[in-house]
């Protein structure tokens, strides 16, 4: 999958523009605070992913505007236009003018993003590790996205019912528990299927990056059985929910279920995070991102776009060199850097260099193929040239 063009309107500090990206490498350079990360965030949002910078979508809308829009023109076998309209508490996706779900958006534009927020993943909150595993599972089994939505809604409804004054209605609790049991079992089974393949891919990429570890694997830490059929996992969930009902009522939150799972990276069957240096931990996260890229490619039959923010900051030069050489021979890559000279000295593939200043991108060569920069208002799919977006 290749992004041919990117158009934005009212998205953070990015100037309205239509950018023609290089099909291989796009290196975005410039001082901090100029808008490099905003470009990657816009791609994450249009691809159906969550923002890696904020939980409030209103933050991405420029002051004075009602909505922000991001549109990408995709080229290749599945050419078309994918767009997102983003406002306070809402986001809508469109494929060639037809409204689609976030899951379909993610399949139209598979994307792997690595940012500063990801670099502490090994020792950070379990939710970051769970989401990384779930992205792989959902890419291969799209129906799981609906199971995640069902589970989260039922979990919130059950917690609210338990927190209400008086004794909760037993029939209502039982209904929520059945949803949690069936959806939670599907989620749990998928994690058990994909934890092994993900660990093997991380090990492969760790070797490419020159890390001194072999026999890397993941352990899924869960209160549910390590193995078992869907009915067995569902029964374990029902039993656990009933046993913890009183403690959950007192705590006001859900204390049992797959939302509490964790993923631990192992080396020779022992947790690796406490033993890895800070530089090794960062390189392991990079190996994880490259592993995710490979597994998503298998799911969709095409390489995802790979985006790496501030890719050369505080990294060991040897790891950066190996990373540059380990990039596959095909597939589109976007890298941002505040150190243009350092970035240009790496053995990166041929592509386009962009200079970013005050939200504007301009070609700064050299490039294997010239990249175009056309400052023009972004248009909504199907919108006439004389239509005006609300702002």
Foldseek 3Di string as FASTA:
>chain_A
DFFQWKAKDQFAQAAGWIWGFWQAEEEEAAAPPQCQVSVVQLVCVLLLHDGPPDPWQQVGGHPPFAWMKMKTADDDPLTWIWMWITGTPDIWIDTLRHTDHSLVSNLSAPEFEAEPSLLCVQPDDQVVVLVLLVVLLCLQVVVLVVLVVLQVVLQVVLLVQLQDPDDGDPVSNVVSLQSNLQSLLVSLVSSLVRQFLLQVQLQVLCVLLPHPAHPKGKDKDFPADSDDDSVRSSVVSSVVCVVCSVVSSVVSHDDHTPVRIGMFIDTPNHGCVVPDDSQSSSLSSVSSSVSSQVSSCVSNVHGHEYEYEQNPPPHDLSSQLSVQVPPDPGHYYYYYHHDVVSVVPHNHDFAWYWYGGSNDTDTDDDHPDDIDIGNDHDDDNPDDPPDDDGD
